C-alpha atoms as a PDB file:
ATOM      1  CA  MET A   1      63.382 107.141 127.945  1.00  0.00           C
ATOM      2  CA  LEU A   2      65.370 104.633 125.899  1.00  0.00           C
ATOM      3  CA  SER A   3      65.735 101.077 127.235  1.00  0.00           C
ATOM      4  CA  ILE A   4      68.252  98.545 125.942  1.00  0.00           C
ATOM      5  CA  GLY A   5      67.699  95.335 127.838  1.00  0.00           C
ATOM      6  CA  HIS A   6      67.876  96.244 131.508  1.00  0.00           C
ATOM      7  CA  VAL A   7      69.821  99.458 130.772  1.00  0.00           C
ATOM      8  CA  LYS A   8      67.649 102.548 131.155  1.00  0.00           C
ATOM      9  CA  VAL A   9      68.830 105.697 129.377  1.00  0.00           C
ATOM     10  CA  ALA A  10      67.445 109.051 130.464  1.00  0.00           C
ATOM     11  CA  SER A  11      67.767 110.571 126.984  1.00  0.00           C
ATOM     12  CA  GLN A  12      66.973 109.210 123.530  1.00  0.00           C
ATOM     13  CA  LEU A  13      70.182 110.765 122.226  1.00  0.00           C
ATOM     14  CA  VAL A  14      73.266 108.589 121.930  1.00  0.00           C
ATOM     15  CA  LEU A  15      76.858 109.655 121.329  1.00  0.00           C
ATOM     16  CA  ALA A  16      78.112 107.402 118.543  1.00  0.00           C
ATOM     17  CA  PRO A  17      81.617 105.940 118.625  1.00  0.00           C
ATOM     18  CA  MET A  18      84.027 108.025 116.559  1.00  0.00           C
ATOM     19  CA  ALA A  19      87.587 106.848 115.938  1.00  0.00           C
ATOM     20  CA  GLY A  20      90.156 109.221 117.379  1.00  0.00           C
ATOM     21  CA  ILE A  21      87.449 111.473 118.802  1.00  0.00           C
ATOM     22  CA  SER A  22      85.050 109.964 121.355  1.00  0.00           C
ATOM     23  CA  ASP A  23      87.568 109.410 124.131  1.00  0.00           C
ATOM     24  CA  LEU A  24      86.716 109.897 127.804  1.00  0.00           C
ATOM     25  CA  PRO A  25      87.109 113.721 127.758  1.00  0.00           C
ATOM     26  CA  PHE A  26      84.838 114.027 124.690  1.00  0.00           C
ATOM     27  CA  ARG A  27      82.216 111.834 126.330  1.00  0.00           C
ATOM     28  CA  ILE A  28      82.326 113.784 129.600  1.00  0.00           C
ATOM     29  CA  ILE A  29      81.795 117.074 127.757  1.00  0.00           C
ATOM     30  CA  SER A  30      78.907 115.588 125.748  1.00  0.00           C
ATOM     31  CA  ARG A  31      77.241 114.176 128.854  1.00  0.00           C
ATOM     32  CA  SER A  32      77.395 117.561 130.580  1.00  0.00           C
ATOM     33  CA  PHE A  33      74.993 118.830 127.914  1.00  0.00           C
ATOM     34  CA  GLY A  34      72.488 115.974 127.982  1.00  0.00           C
ATOM     35  CA  CYS A  35      73.969 113.001 126.171  1.00  0.00           C
ATOM     36  CA  GLY A  36      72.263 109.950 127.691  1.00  0.00           C
ATOM     37  CA  LEU A  37      74.257 106.999 126.381  1.00  0.00           C
ATOM     38  CA  ALA A  38      77.778 107.049 124.957  1.00  0.00           C
ATOM     39  CA  PHE A  39      80.080 104.530 123.332  1.00  0.00           C
ATOM     40  CA  THR A  40      83.834 104.185 123.405  1.00  0.00           C
ATOM     41  CA  GLU A  41      85.827 104.511 120.248  1.00  0.00           C
ATOM     42  CA  MET A  42      85.637 101.372 118.110  1.00  0.00           C
ATOM     43  CA  ILE A  43      87.803  98.658 119.702  1.00  0.00           C
ATOM     44  CA  SER A  44      89.592  96.139 117.494  1.00  0.00           C
ATOM     45  CA  THR A  45      89.336  92.680 119.059  1.00  0.00           C
ATOM     46  CA  HIS A  46      92.706  91.788 117.499  1.00  0.00           C
ATOM     47  CA  SER A  47      94.373  94.772 119.184  1.00  0.00           C
ATOM     48  CA  LEU A  48      92.600  94.065 122.462  1.00  0.00           C
ATOM     49  CA  ILE A  49      93.821  90.500 122.813  1.00  0.00           C
ATOM     50  CA  ARG A  50      97.368  91.707 122.090  1.00  0.00           C
ATOM     51  CA  ASN A  51      97.018  94.095 125.050  1.00  0.00           C
ATOM     52  CA  ASN A  52      97.754  97.048 122.793  1.00  0.00           C
ATOM     53  CA  ARG A  53      98.475 100.024 125.042  1.00  0.00           C
ATOM     54  CA  ILE A  54      96.495 102.529 122.981  1.00  0.00           C
ATOM     55  CA  THR A  55      93.509 100.179 122.727  1.00  0.00           C
ATOM     56  CA  LEU A  56      93.460  99.553 126.471  1.00  0.00           C
ATOM     57  CA  LYS A  57      93.488 103.316 127.105  1.00  0.00           C
ATOM     58  CA  MET A  58      90.361 103.624 124.939  1.00  0.00           C
ATOM     59  CA  LEU A  59      88.554 101.511 127.545  1.00  0.00           C
ATOM     60  CA  SER A  60      89.058 104.149 130.246  1.00  0.00           C
ATOM     61  CA  ALA A  61      85.878 105.386 131.876  1.00  0.00           C
ATOM     62  CA  SER A  62      84.690 107.171 135.019  1.00  0.00           C
ATOM     63  CA  LEU A  63      81.709 107.091 137.361  1.00  0.00           C
ATOM     64  CA  ASP A  64      80.077 110.038 135.577  1.00  0.00           C
ATOM     65  CA  ASP A  65      80.515 108.306 132.218  1.00  0.00           C
ATOM     66  CA  ARG A  66      77.538 105.954 132.491  1.00  0.00           C
ATOM     67  CA  PRO A  67      75.697 104.217 131.006  1.00  0.00           C
ATOM     68  CA  LEU A  68      78.558 103.353 128.678  1.00  0.00           C
ATOM     69  CA  GLY A  69      78.785 100.981 125.743  1.00  0.00           C
ATOM     70  CA  VAL A  70      81.902  99.521 124.164  1.00  0.00           C
ATOM     71  CA  GLN A  71      81.872  98.914 120.431  1.00  0.00           C
ATOM     72  CA  ILE A  72      83.982  96.035 119.196  1.00  0.00           C
ATOM     73  CA  LEU A  73      85.220  95.229 115.698  1.00  0.00           C
ATOM     74  CA  GLY A  74      85.915  91.658 114.630  1.00  0.00           C
ATOM     75  CA  CYS A  75      84.731  88.627 112.685  1.00  0.00           C
ATOM     76  CA  ASP A  76      86.644  85.738 114.232  1.00  0.00           C
ATOM     77  CA  THR A  77      84.651  83.829 116.861  1.00  0.00           C
ATOM     78  CA  GLU A  78      87.612  82.730 118.975  1.00  0.00           C
ATOM     79  CA  ILE A  79      89.243  86.150 118.975  1.00  0.00           C
ATOM     80  CA  ILE A  80      85.939  87.778 119.908  1.00  0.00           C
ATOM     81  CA  LYS A  81      85.551  85.326 122.819  1.00  0.00           C
ATOM     82  CA  ARG A  82      89.028  86.193 124.091  1.00  0.00           C
ATOM     83  CA  ALA A  83      88.303  89.896 123.731  1.00  0.00           C
ATOM     84  CA  LEU A  84      85.043  89.538 125.643  1.00  0.00           C
ATOM     85  CA  ASP A  85      86.901  87.754 128.434  1.00  0.00           C
ATOM     86  CA  ILE A  86      89.151  90.802 128.757  1.00  0.00           C
ATOM     87  CA  LEU A  87      86.182  93.173 128.628  1.00  0.00           C
ATOM     88  CA  SER A  88      84.470  91.253 131.429  1.00  0.00           C
ATOM     89  CA  GLY A  89      86.951  92.924 133.761  1.00  0.00           C
ATOM     90  CA  TYR A  90      85.586  96.354 132.862  1.00  0.00           C
ATOM     91  CA  ALA A  91      82.321  97.953 133.939  1.00  0.00           C
ATOM     92  CA  PHE A  92      80.598  98.416 130.585  1.00  0.00           C
ATOM     93  CA  ASP A  93      76.807  98.472 130.328  1.00  0.00           C
ATOM     94  CA  ILE A  94      76.442  97.430 126.665  1.00  0.00           C
ATOM     95  CA  ILE A  95      78.510  95.538 124.089  1.00  0.00           C
ATOM     96  CA  ASP A  96      78.031  96.665 120.479  1.00  0.00           C
ATOM     97  CA  LEU A  97      79.332  94.801 117.422  1.00  0.00           C
ATOM     98  CA  ASN A  98      80.282  97.000 114.508  1.00  0.00           C
ATOM     99  CA  ALA A  99      78.868  95.700 111.216  1.00  0.00           C
ATOM    100  CA  ALA A 100      78.824  99.128 109.601  1.00  0.00           C
ATOM    101  CA  CYS A 101      82.360 100.512 109.228  1.00  0.00           C
ATOM    102  CA  PRO A 102      82.896 101.142 105.486  1.00  0.00           C
ATOM    103  CA  VAL A 103      86.691 101.574 105.525  1.00  0.00           C
ATOM    104  CA  ASN A 104      88.423  99.416 102.925  1.00  0.00           C
ATOM    105  CA  LYS A 105      91.029  97.840 105.201  1.00  0.00           C
ATOM    106  CA  VAL A 106      88.245  96.835 107.582  1.00  0.00           C
ATOM    107  CA  VAL A 107      85.848  95.281 105.051  1.00  0.00           C
ATOM    108  CA  LEU A 108      88.696  93.467 103.283  1.00  0.00           C
ATOM    109  CA  ARG A 109      89.204  91.540 106.539  1.00  0.00           C
ATOM    110  CA  GLY A 110      85.508  90.645 106.548  1.00  0.00           C
ATOM    111  CA  GLU A 111      84.861  92.995 109.465  1.00  0.00           C
ATOM    112  CA  GLY A 112      82.590  96.015 109.820  1.00  0.00           C
ATOM    113  CA  ALA A 113      80.307  96.461 106.828  1.00  0.00           C
ATOM    114  CA  GLY A 114      81.847  93.340 105.296  1.00  0.00           C
ATOM    115  CA  LEU A 115      79.539  91.352 107.574  1.00  0.00           C
ATOM    116  CA  LEU A 116      76.518  92.753 105.735  1.00  0.00           C
ATOM    117  CA  ARG A 117      77.373  90.338 102.928  1.00  0.00           C
ATOM    118  CA  GLU A 118      77.303  87.367 105.320  1.00  0.00           C
ATOM    119  CA  PRO A 119      74.063  87.510 107.332  1.00  0.00           C
ATOM    120  CA  VAL A 120      74.383  83.919 108.591  1.00  0.00           C
ATOM    121  CA  LYS A 121      77.929  84.503 109.836  1.00  0.00           C
ATOM    122  CA  LEU A 122      76.841  87.720 111.523  1.00  0.00           C
ATOM    123  CA  ASN A 123      73.997  85.853 113.210  1.00  0.00           C
ATOM    124  CA  LYS A 124      76.437  83.258 114.576  1.00  0.00           C
ATOM    125  CA  LEU A 125      78.873  85.912 115.805  1.00  0.00           C
ATOM    126  CA  LEU A 126      76.111  87.754 117.614  1.00  0.00           C
ATOM    127  CA  LYS A 127      74.882  84.537 119.234  1.00  0.00           C
ATOM    128  CA  VAL A 128      78.387  83.949 120.567  1.00  0.00           C
ATOM    129  CA  ILE A 129      78.567  87.476 121.983  1.00  0.00           C
ATOM    130  CA  VAL A 130      75.098  87.228 123.551  1.00  0.00           C
ATOM    131  CA  GLU A 131      75.948  83.864 125.127  1.00  0.00           C
ATOM    132  CA  THR A 132      79.350  85.024 126.362  1.00  0.00           C
ATOM    133  CA  THR A 133      78.548  88.374 127.955  1.00  0.00           C
ATOM    134  CA  ARG A 134      76.198  89.297 130.796  1.00  0.00           C
ATOM    135  CA  VAL A 135      75.320  92.773 129.498  1.00  0.00           C
ATOM    136  CA  PRO A 136      72.899  93.671 126.691  1.00  0.00           C
ATOM    137  CA  VAL A 137      74.302  93.310 123.181  1.00  0.00           C
ATOM    138  CA  THR A 138      73.583  95.613 120.255  1.00  0.00           C
ATOM    139  CA  VAL A 139      74.775  95.707 116.656  1.00  0.00           C
ATOM    140  CA  LYS A 140      75.421  98.603 114.309  1.00  0.00           C
ATOM    141  CA  ILE A 141      74.534  97.993 110.668  1.00  0.00           C
ATOM    142  CA  ARG A 142      74.004  99.900 107.420  1.00  0.00           C
ATOM    143  CA  SER A 143      71.138  99.805 104.946  1.00  0.00           C
ATOM    144  CA  GLY A 144      73.148  97.336 102.882  1.00  0.00           C
ATOM    145  CA  TRP A 145      76.339  96.780 100.919  1.00  0.00           C
ATOM    146  CA  ASP A 146      75.269  98.829  97.896  1.00  0.00           C
ATOM    147  CA  GLU A 147      72.075  99.938  96.173  1.00  0.00           C
ATOM    148  CA  THR A 148      71.608  96.465  94.660  1.00  0.00           C
ATOM    149  CA  SER A 149      71.788  94.721  98.026  1.00  0.00           C
ATOM    150  CA  VAL A 150      69.814  96.746 100.553  1.00  0.00           C
ATOM    151  CA  ASN A 151      69.282  93.984 103.126  1.00  0.00           C
ATOM    152  CA  ALA A 152      69.017  95.852 106.424  1.00  0.00           C
ATOM    153  CA  VAL A 153      65.688  94.254 107.387  1.00  0.00           C
ATOM    154  CA  LYS A 154      67.079  90.749 106.829  1.00  0.00           C
ATOM    155  CA  ILE A 155      70.250  91.583 108.753  1.00  0.00           C
ATOM    156  CA  ALA A 156      68.255  93.144 111.602  1.00  0.00           C
ATOM    157  CA  LEU A 157      65.961  90.103 111.881  1.00  0.00           C
ATOM    158  CA  TYR A 158      68.998  87.821 112.036  1.00  0.00           C
ATOM    159  CA  ALA A 159      70.369  90.042 114.794  1.00  0.00           C
ATOM    160  CA  GLN A 160      67.133  89.927 116.758  1.00  0.00           C
ATOM    161  CA  ASP A 161      67.075  86.149 116.358  1.00  0.00           C
ATOM    162  CA  ALA A 162      70.581  86.029 117.818  1.00  0.00           C
ATOM    163  CA  GLY A 163      69.333  87.727 120.982  1.00  0.00           C
ATOM    164  CA  VAL A 164      70.579  91.288 120.619  1.00  0.00           C
ATOM    165  CA  GLN A 165      68.711  93.935 122.606  1.00  0.00           C
ATOM    166  CA  GLY A 166      68.980  96.768 120.102  1.00  0.00           C
ATOM    167  CA  VAL A 167      69.959  97.664 116.539  1.00  0.00           C
ATOM    168  CA  VAL A 168      71.702 100.831 115.429  1.00  0.00           C
ATOM    169  CA  ILE A 169      71.214 101.472 111.720  1.00  0.00           C
ATOM    170  CA  HIS A 170      72.993 104.002 109.542  1.00  0.00           C
ATOM    171  CA  GLY A 171      70.719 104.839 106.635  1.00  0.00           C
ATOM    172  CA  ARG A 172      73.409 104.602 103.959  1.00  0.00           C
ATOM    173  CA  THR A 173      74.968 101.654 102.156  1.00  0.00           C
ATOM    174  CA  ARG A 174      78.597 100.709 102.514  1.00  0.00           C
ATOM    175  CA  ALA A 175      79.184 101.941  98.949  1.00  0.00           C
ATOM    176  CA  GLN A 176      77.906 105.408  99.935  1.00  0.00           C
ATOM    177  CA  GLY A 177      80.236 105.732 102.882  1.00  0.00           C
ATOM    178  CA  TYR A 178      79.188 109.046 104.414  1.00  0.00           C
ATOM    179  CA  SER A 179      78.089 110.704 101.164  1.00  0.00           C
ATOM    180  CA  GLY A 180      74.749 110.885  99.391  1.00  0.00           C
ATOM    181  CA  LYS A 181      71.326 110.859 100.995  1.00  0.00           C
ATOM    182  CA  VAL A 182      70.212 108.982 104.093  1.00  0.00           C
ATOM    183  CA  ASP A 183      67.471 106.449 103.339  1.00  0.00           C
ATOM    184  CA  TYR A 184      64.862 107.127 106.000  1.00  0.00           C
ATOM    185  CA  SER A 185      62.504 104.507 104.578  1.00  0.00           C
ATOM    186  CA  VAL A 186      64.867 101.595 105.189  1.00  0.00           C
ATOM    187  CA  ILE A 187      65.325 102.672 108.812  1.00  0.00           C
ATOM    188  CA  ARG A 188      61.540 102.748 109.188  1.00  0.00           C
ATOM    189  CA  GLU A 189      61.267  99.267 107.639  1.00  0.00           C
ATOM    190  CA  VAL A 190      63.784  97.950 110.156  1.00  0.00           C
ATOM    191  CA  LYS A 191      61.918  99.613 113.017  1.00  0.00           C
ATOM    192  CA  GLU A 192      58.584  98.153 111.885  1.00  0.00           C
ATOM    193  CA  SER A 193      60.096  94.665 111.529  1.00  0.00           C
ATOM    194  CA  LEU A 194      61.641  94.407 114.988  1.00  0.00           C
ATOM    195  CA  GLU A 195      60.411  94.064 118.545  1.00  0.00           C
ATOM    196  CA  ILE A 196      63.612  95.521 120.015  1.00  0.00           C
ATOM    197  CA  PRO A 197      64.709  99.191 120.090  1.00  0.00           C
ATOM    198  CA  VAL A 198      66.099 100.746 116.926  1.00  0.00           C
ATOM    199  CA  ILE A 199      68.524 103.664 117.017  1.00  0.00           C
ATOM    200  CA  ALA A 200      68.753 105.681 113.807  1.00  0.00           C
ATOM    201  CA  SER A 201      72.041 107.063 112.495  1.00  0.00           C
ATOM    202  CA  GLY A 202      72.984 109.334 109.627  1.00  0.00           C
ATOM    203  CA  ASP A 203      73.125 113.122 109.216  1.00  0.00           C
ATOM    204  CA  ALA A 204      72.076 113.821 112.802  1.00  0.00           C
ATOM    205  CA  LEU A 205      73.685 117.222 112.404  1.00  0.00           C
ATOM    206  CA  THR A 206      71.083 119.620 113.821  1.00  0.00           C
ATOM    207  CA  PRO A 207      68.064 119.428 116.137  1.00  0.00           C
ATOM    208  CA  GLY A 208      65.803 119.663 113.081  1.00  0.00           C
ATOM    209  CA  LEU A 209      67.489 116.769 111.291  1.00  0.00           C
ATOM    210  CA  ILE A 210      67.402 114.689 114.457  1.00  0.00           C
ATOM    211  CA  LYS A 211      63.666 115.362 114.780  1.00  0.00           C
ATOM    212  CA  LYS A 212      63.282 114.332 111.145  1.00  0.00           C
ATOM    213  CA  LEU A 213      64.920 110.998 111.944  1.00  0.00           C
ATOM    214  CA  PHE A 214      62.440 110.435 114.777  1.00  0.00           C
ATOM    215  CA  ASP A 215      59.446 111.572 112.750  1.00  0.00           C
ATOM    216  CA  GLU A 216      60.203 109.704 109.534  1.00  0.00           C
ATOM    217  CA  THR A 217      61.488 106.437 110.990  1.00  0.00           C
ATOM    218  CA  GLY A 218      59.674 105.985 114.305  1.00  0.00           C
ATOM    219  CA  CYS A 219      63.033 105.097 115.867  1.00  0.00           C
ATOM    220  CA  ASN A 220      63.548 104.779 119.608  1.00  0.00           C
ATOM    221  CA  GLY A 221      66.721 106.818 119.662  1.00  0.00           C
ATOM    222  CA  VAL A 222      69.184 108.716 117.481  1.00  0.00           C
ATOM    223  CA  ALA A 223      72.963 108.344 117.375  1.00  0.00           C
ATOM    224  CA  VAL A 224      74.798 111.654 117.073  1.00  0.00           C
ATOM    225  CA  ALA A 225      78.302 111.692 115.586  1.00  0.00           C
ATOM    226  CA  ARG A 226      79.534 114.559 113.385  1.00  0.00           C
ATOM    227  CA  GLY A 227      76.815 116.819 114.764  1.00  0.00           C
ATOM    228  CA  ALA A 228      78.606 116.849 118.127  1.00  0.00           C
ATOM    229  CA  LEU A 229      82.000 117.938 116.765  1.00  0.00           C
ATOM    230  CA  GLY A 230      82.696 121.280 118.389  1.00  0.00           C
ATOM    231  CA  ASN A 231      79.018 121.432 119.304  1.00  0.00           C
ATOM    232  CA  PRO A 232      78.206 119.494 122.490  1.00  0.00           C
ATOM    233  CA  TRP A 233      75.204 121.814 122.877  1.00  0.00           C
ATOM    234  CA  ILE A 234      73.436 119.779 120.204  1.00  0.00           C
ATOM    235  CA  PHE A 235      72.229 117.407 122.927  1.00  0.00           C
ATOM    236  CA  GLN A 236      70.538 119.997 125.162  1.00  0.00           C
ATOM    237  CA  GLU A 237      69.221 121.944 122.174  1.00  0.00           C
ATOM    238  CA  THR A 238      67.700 118.834 120.625  1.00  0.00           C
ATOM    239  CA  ILE A 239      66.056 117.809 123.892  1.00  0.00           C
ATOM    240  CA  GLU A 240      64.487 121.270 124.104  1.00  0.00           C
ATOM    241  CA  TYR A 241      63.488 121.251 120.433  1.00  0.00           C
ATOM    242  CA  LEU A 242      61.822 117.843 120.678  1.00  0.00           C
ATOM    243  CA  LYS A 243      59.800 119.016 123.689  1.00  0.00           C
ATOM    244  CA  SER A 244      58.801 122.515 122.615  1.00  0.00           C
ATOM    245  CA  GLY A 245      59.599 122.931 118.929  1.00  0.00           C
ATOM    246  CA  THR A 246      61.889 125.843 119.725  1.00  0.00           C
ATOM    247  CA  ILE A 247      65.419 126.505 120.935  1.00  0.00           C
ATOM    248  CA  SER A 248      65.584 129.356 123.424  1.00  0.00           C
ATOM    249  CA  CYS A 249      69.193 130.330 122.794  1.00  0.00           C
ATOM    250  CA  ARG A 250      72.537 129.322 121.392  1.00  0.00           C
ATOM    251  CA  PRO A 251      75.663 129.441 123.570  1.00  0.00           C
ATOM    252  CA  ASP A 252      77.309 132.856 123.588  1.00  0.00           C
ATOM    253  CA  ILE A 253      81.043 133.276 123.084  1.00  0.00           C
ATOM    254  CA  HIS A 254      81.737 133.131 126.823  1.00  0.00           C
ATOM    255  CA  GLU A 255      80.027 129.737 127.096  1.00  0.00           C
ATOM    256  CA  ILE A 256      81.970 128.467 124.076  1.00  0.00           C
ATOM    257  CA  VAL A 257      85.273 129.644 125.556  1.00  0.00           C
ATOM    258  CA  ARG A 258      84.415 128.138 128.954  1.00  0.00           C
ATOM    259  CA  THR A 259      83.613 124.781 127.357  1.00  0.00           C
ATOM    260  CA  MET A 260      86.761 124.819 125.226  1.00  0.00           C
ATOM    261  CA  LYS A 261      88.887 125.454 128.310  1.00  0.00           C
ATOM    262  CA  LYS A 262      87.212 122.618 130.173  1.00  0.00           C
ATOM    263  CA  HIS A 263      87.659 120.255 127.227  1.00  0.00           C
ATOM    264  CA  LEU A 264      91.335 121.167 126.925  1.00  0.00           C
ATOM    265  CA  ALA A 265      91.875 120.620 130.650  1.00  0.00           C
ATOM    266  CA  LEU A 266      90.235 117.182 130.483  1.00  0.00           C
ATOM    267  CA  LEU A 267      92.384 116.191 127.501  1.00  0.00           C
ATOM    268  CA  VAL A 268      95.602 117.297 129.207  1.00  0.00           C
ATOM    269  CA  GLU A 269      94.652 115.484 132.406  1.00  0.00           C
ATOM    270  CA  PHE A 270      93.788 112.288 130.523  1.00  0.00           C
ATOM    271  CA  HIS A 271      96.453 112.191 127.801  1.00  0.00           C
ATOM    272  CA  GLY A 272      99.204 114.390 129.196  1.00  0.00           C
ATOM    273  CA  GLU A 273     100.045 117.901 128.029  1.00  0.00           C
ATOM    274  CA  ARG A 274     101.799 117.107 124.736  1.00  0.00           C
ATOM    275  CA  THR A 275      99.207 114.671 123.415  1.00  0.00           C
ATOM    276  CA  GLY A 276      96.261 116.554 124.924  1.00  0.00           C
ATOM    277  CA  VAL A 277      97.230 119.815 123.232  1.00  0.00           C
ATOM    278  CA  MET A 278      97.867 118.033 119.940  1.00  0.00           C
ATOM    279  CA  LEU A 279      94.434 116.378 120.071  1.00  0.00           C
ATOM    280  CA  PHE A 280      92.766 119.675 120.900  1.00  0.00           C
ATOM    281  CA  ARG A 281      94.043 121.261 117.664  1.00  0.00           C
ATOM    282  CA  LYS A 282      91.288 119.721 115.535  1.00  0.00           C
ATOM    283  CA  LEU A 283      88.756 120.437 118.285  1.00  0.00           C
ATOM    284  CA  PHE A 284      89.774 124.100 118.191  1.00  0.00           C
ATOM    285  CA  THR A 285      88.847 124.146 114.504  1.00  0.00           C
ATOM    286  CA  TRP A 286      85.467 122.543 115.171  1.00  0.00           C
ATOM    287  CA  TYR A 287      84.600 124.782 118.111  1.00  0.00           C
ATOM    288  CA  THR A 288      85.376 127.897 116.053  1.00  0.00           C
ATOM    289  CA  ARG A 289      83.424 126.817 112.985  1.00  0.00           C
ATOM    290  CA  GLY A 290      81.543 129.815 111.600  1.00  0.00           C
ATOM    291  CA  MET A 291      83.892 132.356 113.172  1.00  0.00           C
ATOM    292  CA  THR A 292      86.340 134.594 111.333  1.00  0.00           C
ATOM    293  CA  ALA A 293      89.192 132.718 113.004  1.00  0.00           C
ATOM    294  CA  LYS A 294      91.467 131.577 110.163  1.00  0.00           C
ATOM    295  CA  GLN A 295      94.689 132.900 111.700  1.00  0.00           C
ATOM    296  CA  LEU A 296      93.805 131.579 115.138  1.00  0.00           C
ATOM    297  CA  LYS A 297      93.223 128.118 113.640  1.00  0.00           C
ATOM    298  CA  VAL A 298      96.632 128.228 111.950  1.00  0.00           C
ATOM    299  CA  ARG A 299      98.288 129.191 115.225  1.00  0.00           C
ATOM    300  CA  ALA A 300      96.323 126.500 117.091  1.00  0.00           C
ATOM    301  CA  PHE A 301      97.935 123.838 114.905  1.00  0.00           C
ATOM    302  CA  GLN A 302     101.331 125.216 115.941  1.00  0.00           C
ATOM    303  CA  ALA A 303     100.570 125.365 119.682  1.00  0.00           C
ATOM    304  CA  GLY A 304     102.628 122.946 121.740  1.00  0.00           C
ATOM    305  CA  THR A 305     101.705 123.772 125.327  1.00  0.00           C
ATOM    306  CA  SER A 306      98.515 124.135 127.307  1.00  0.00           C
ATOM    307  CA  ASP A 307      99.288 127.802 128.051  1.00  0.00           C
ATOM    308  CA  GLU A 308      99.700 128.587 124.358  1.00  0.00           C
ATOM    309  CA  MET A 309      96.374 126.969 123.536  1.00  0.00           C
ATOM    310  CA  LEU A 310      94.633 128.730 126.413  1.00  0.00           C
ATOM    311  CA  ARG A 311      95.837 132.100 125.130  1.00  0.00           C
ATOM    312  CA  LEU A 312      94.412 131.302 121.694  1.00  0.00           C
ATOM    313  CA  ILE A 313      91.091 130.297 123.238  1.00  0.00           C
ATOM    314  CA  GLU A 314      90.989 133.633 125.092  1.00  0.00           C
ATOM    315  CA  GLU A 315      91.677 135.495 121.832  1.00  0.00           C
ATOM    316  CA  ILE A 316      88.490 134.060 120.336  1.00  0.00           C
ATOM    317  CA  GLN A 317      86.540 136.590 122.391  1.00  0.00           C
ATOM    318  CA  THR A 318      88.150 139.443 120.428  1.00  0.00           C
ATOM    319  CA  LEU A 319      87.063 138.205 116.992  1.00  0.00           C
ATOM    320  CA  PRO A 320      84.680 140.382 114.947  1.00  0.00           C
ATOM    321  CA  GLY A 321      81.130 139.388 114.086  1.00  0.00           C
ATOM    322  CA  LEU A 322      80.602 136.991 117.003  1.00  0.00           C
ATOM    323  CA  GLU A 323      77.112 138.259 117.779  1.00  0.00           C
ATOM    324  CA  ARG A 324      76.054 137.613 114.183  1.00  0.00           C
ATOM    325  CA  CYS A 325      77.561 134.110 114.098  1.00  0.00           C
ATOM    326  CA  PHE A 326      76.293 132.726 117.362  1.00  0.00           C
ATOM    327  CA  ARG A 327      72.893 134.231 118.055  1.00  0.00           C
ATOM    328  CA  LYS A 328      71.273 132.463 115.129  1.00  0.00           C
ATOM    329  CA  THR A 329      69.989 128.955 115.721  1.00  0.00           C
ATOM    330  CA  CYS A 330      70.689 126.191 113.229  1.00  0.00           C
ATOM    331  CA  ILE A 331      67.601 123.970 113.143  1.00  0.00           C
END
């Protein structure tokens, strides 16, 4: 069990926030397969205080979507305070500050990974958040800005000093983005330096790689992001693999189709038919990864109604080579 402050999480596996992806329907699907803790998409504090309609919709949750964290992005103390005041009206279990996003437009504002270059400022921001909110606070960081400034341990100690209840660390520098190798050693150094839980992030793409993160870093939990795209089964498979060292079976095509239909229905219910179908297009591609489904994927990106998309999902069951693609286990 993973504990962050008073929040108890049944699983050590966390669904990481993913922009444009980890909405309520995505989280519900992930939880149905064993995801213990999930986070909303990254929330801009600037957008939140302007009552941006899209941002406010990102805060939607449900009773079966708990425990739930909200990840905020910002670097201005007063704006963060105002954003936290708005968030106090929502039932979130954890507040996470993003100090890891490597996107240029974010770091140029001094937000996200830009805060890795200002440990003292980050410390002060976290103290404000801890003092302002009544729920546990966490922070997501990277190993450093670039290979010449790997300062994750220093950053993590500043965060612990500020009163945060957990640190999520991606084992790459900002300069690496999402390329190159994950530095397991720096995650381990952070873990060994702190008294609070550490959640490892980076290339958690298969049960075997997730186990490697646990084994090589000693972390308390692992954040899963890209590994869950079109593969919500990664949570239940990893839980089984960590317990027994084996995975009994992969989902067959009928289970994949059933899950796709459920995911589509949730998207349509939450976003409306037009937007829900449009959002499902990329999910269709992820769910059919490894299948000989090129033409179906092309048609999926042309589908405009729920019925059209459902017919394409049904057609997946007629594709050749399904037994070969989905009986093997990717560890």
